[in-house]
Amino acid sequence: MGLKTTTNVSSRRNKVAELKEKHLKLFELDGVENKAKFIPKMAYIPEPGAERIIAFFPSEIMGGEDIYTEFVSKSNVPEDPERTLWKWPFNPEFDTEYKKSEPHPATGHIRYLIPVDELINVALQHIPQQAELGAKQTELFLIDPVAELELLEDSPINQMTIRDKAAIDWKLPVSRKEWLNKLILETTFK
């Protein structure tokens, strides 16, 4: 391995470690802490009309472990401004249930094509647990306590954000307004 290749591998490892650090609280909630198998991937549509997928090499998918991922570019730059952590629950039938890519012309490597629809949003998976632990203490939704105090009373509709609309539509406490999250929890998770 030449110096340039060693530097590239080291640089990639450092970028992956930086990406992984953002999700430490979610790994802890999922019970995997530092043992999480985290492999950031590009999510893409391989051909017009196809579903959005991510692709894992056989060496990545084997081992019987769930894989955690974040959608990134080829150079491991996050593509999702929300920095969503996704989980692919290990499927022992992966070899027969998923399509495979054509072998790479130079290396012969194939990849398993996993539909993004099969991934689990780890934060949403733990919302009821977050409510039990006290949503006011969570850092997952980055709630600003000062802004919350200003909004103790009803807010005007013109202050509704897209995130607030999503929280209402999805019936999930993903707003940055704690009072709205609390209202959703009180009416949805009873």
Foldseek 3Di string as FASTA:
>chain_A
DDPVVVVLVVLLVVLQVVLVVVCQVLCVVVPCRPNAAEDAFAWAAPDPPGATWTWAFPVSQPDQAKYKYAHADPSSHGPDPLSFIKIQHRDPCQVPPFDKDQQDPPPGTIITIGGPVRIDRSVQVCQVVCVVVPVVPDPSQPADVVVLVVCVDPDDPVPQDPQLVCCVVVLALNHSHVVSNVVSCVPPVD
